Amino acid sequence: MKFQGLTDKRNIYLLLGVYSNNPKLIIDDKYKTCPADYPDRFHTVIFGAIVNIAKKSSVSKITAVEIENELSLFKTSLDIWNSNRGFEYIESAIAETKDKVYNVDLYRDEVRKYSILRNAQKE
């Protein structure tokens, strides 16, 4: 079976929104994911920025501005962010998940499930 194209962009979007609204979750072993869980470079760039910000400071929320500022340190990442309209994407995800932190298990499990299937194909 081919799992290479398997992805759940909706749950990735929601999970990145929850991580932005609750940055402590991205570094909590129970809820964390890794770059390999995100098949698109765009999502990996956002994930990396959120992780970097969460590790550097103990903020209670991460905004699109903070993510863009973090990415501005890396030209290629900023180009990916801009070409995919990252600011609008993450602002929308943040707004949509503002009151959905209780769903973090669901979003994370779905993202991980598709990652495991994709990575099983590579082995």
Protein backbone atom coordinates (compact mmCIF):
# COMPACT_ATOMS: atom_id res chain seq x y z
CA MET A 1 0.00 0.00 0.00
CA LYS A 2 1.14 3.53 -0.66
CA PHE A 3 0.84 5.90 2.27
CA GLN A 4 3.15 8.62 0.96
CA GLY A 5 0.38 11.10 0.19
CA LEU A 6 -1.52 10.55 3.41
CA THR A 7 -1.98 13.73 5.35
CA ASP A 8 -4.64 15.32 7.48
CA LYS A 9 -4.19 19.02 6.82
CA ARG A 10 -7.27 19.97 8.79
CA ASN A 11 -5.98 18.45 12.02
CA ILE A 12 -2.49 19.86 11.37
CA TYR A 13 -4.07 23.30 11.03
CA LEU A 14 -6.05 22.84 14.25
CA LEU A 15 -3.08 21.43 16.16
CA LEU A 16 -0.84 24.36 15.15
CA GLY A 17 -3.61 26.70 16.30
CA VAL A 18 -3.85 24.97 19.69
CA TYR A 19 -0.07 25.01 20.04
CA SER A 20 -0.07 28.76 19.35
CA ASN A 21 -2.83 29.37 21.88
CA ASN A 22 -1.14 27.12 24.48
CA PRO A 23 2.61 26.97 23.74
CA LYS A 24 3.38 24.87 26.80
CA LEU A 25 1.63 21.95 25.06
CA ILE A 26 4.17 21.79 22.24
CA ILE A 27 6.95 20.94 24.69
CA ASP A 28 4.83 18.69 26.92
CA ASP A 29 5.76 15.04 26.21
CA LYS A 30 2.10 14.02 26.31
CA TYR A 31 1.10 16.36 23.46
CA LYS A 32 4.24 17.04 21.50
CA THR A 33 4.90 16.11 17.91
CA CYS A 34 8.07 16.25 15.82
CA PRO A 35 8.99 17.76 12.43
CA ALA A 36 8.57 14.36 10.71
CA ASP A 37 4.87 14.46 11.64
CA TYR A 38 4.34 17.31 9.18
CA PRO A 39 4.62 16.26 5.53
CA ASP A 40 4.56 19.79 4.09
CA ARG A 41 7.53 22.09 4.53
CA PHE A 42 5.12 24.95 5.27
CA HIS A 43 3.74 23.20 8.35
CA THR A 44 7.22 22.18 9.47
CA VAL A 45 8.33 25.82 9.31
CA ILE A 46 5.41 26.94 11.50
CA PHE A 47 5.95 24.06 13.90
CA GLY A 48 9.65 24.90 14.24
CA ALA A 49 8.94 28.57 14.92
CA ILE A 50 6.38 27.73 17.63
CA VAL A 51 8.81 25.28 19.27
CA ASN A 52 11.62 27.85 19.22
CA ILE A 53 9.44 30.55 20.74
CA ALA A 54 8.01 28.19 23.39
CA LYS A 55 11.49 27.06 24.43
CA LYS A 56 12.93 30.59 24.57
CA SER A 57 10.27 32.15 26.74
CA SER A 58 7.33 31.19 28.89
CA VAL A 59 4.63 32.96 26.91
CA SER A 60 0.99 32.05 27.37
CA LYS A 61 0.11 32.60 23.70
CA ILE A 62 2.06 32.92 20.46
CA THR A 63 0.80 35.30 17.78
CA ALA A 64 1.28 35.37 14.03
CA VAL A 65 3.54 38.40 14.50
CA GLU A 66 5.82 36.46 16.86
CA ILE A 67 5.98 33.52 14.45
CA GLU A 68 6.81 35.83 11.55
CA ASN A 69 9.49 37.56 13.63
CA GLU A 70 11.03 34.18 14.48
CA LEU A 71 10.99 33.13 10.82
CA SER A 72 12.52 36.42 9.69
CA LEU A 73 15.83 35.07 10.99
CA PHE A 74 15.77 32.41 8.25
CA LYS A 75 15.29 33.59 4.66
CA THR A 76 14.14 30.26 3.21
CA SER A 77 11.65 29.71 6.02
CA LEU A 78 10.32 33.25 5.69
CA ASP A 79 9.92 32.76 1.92
CA ILE A 80 7.91 29.57 2.52
CA TRP A 81 5.81 31.40 5.13
CA ASN A 82 5.09 34.30 2.79
CA SER A 83 4.39 32.22 -0.32
CA ASN A 84 1.80 30.19 1.62
CA ARG A 85 0.18 33.24 3.24
CA GLY A 86 1.34 31.96 6.61
CA PHE A 87 0.27 35.04 8.55
CA GLU A 88 -3.38 34.65 7.51
CA TYR A 89 -3.20 30.86 7.90
CA ILE A 90 -1.96 30.88 11.49
CA GLU A 91 -4.14 33.83 12.53
CA SER A 92 -7.16 31.88 11.33
CA ALA A 93 -5.99 28.70 13.10
CA ILE A 94 -5.41 30.64 16.33
CA ALA A 95 -8.88 32.21 16.17
CA GLU A 96 -10.59 28.91 15.37
CA THR A 97 -8.94 27.01 18.23
CA LYS A 98 -9.10 29.73 20.88
CA ASP A 99 -11.53 27.67 22.99
CA LYS A 100 -10.58 24.18 21.78
CA VAL A 101 -7.59 23.26 23.90
CA TYR A 102 -9.58 20.29 25.20
CA ASN A 103 -9.32 18.76 21.69
CA VAL A 104 -5.51 18.71 21.66
CA ASP A 105 -5.45 14.92 22.18
CA LEU A 106 -7.66 14.35 19.15
CA TYR A 107 -5.69 16.69 16.88
CA ARG A 108 -2.35 15.30 17.99
CA ASP A 109 -3.46 11.67 17.66
CA GLU A 110 -4.76 12.26 14.13
CA VAL A 111 -1.58 14.02 13.04
CA ARG A 112 0.55 11.23 14.56
CA LYS A 113 -1.60 8.49 12.99
CA TYR A 114 -1.01 9.79 9.48
CA SER A 115 2.66 10.33 10.24
CA ILE A 116 3.07 6.73 11.37
CA LEU A 117 1.37 5.46 8.21
CA ARG A 118 3.55 7.66 5.97
CA ASN A 119 6.73 6.68 7.78
CA ALA A 120 5.81 2.96 7.68
CA GLN A 121 5.97 3.18 3.89
CA LYS A 122 9.57 4.42 4.07
CA GLU A 123 10.75 1.41 6.10
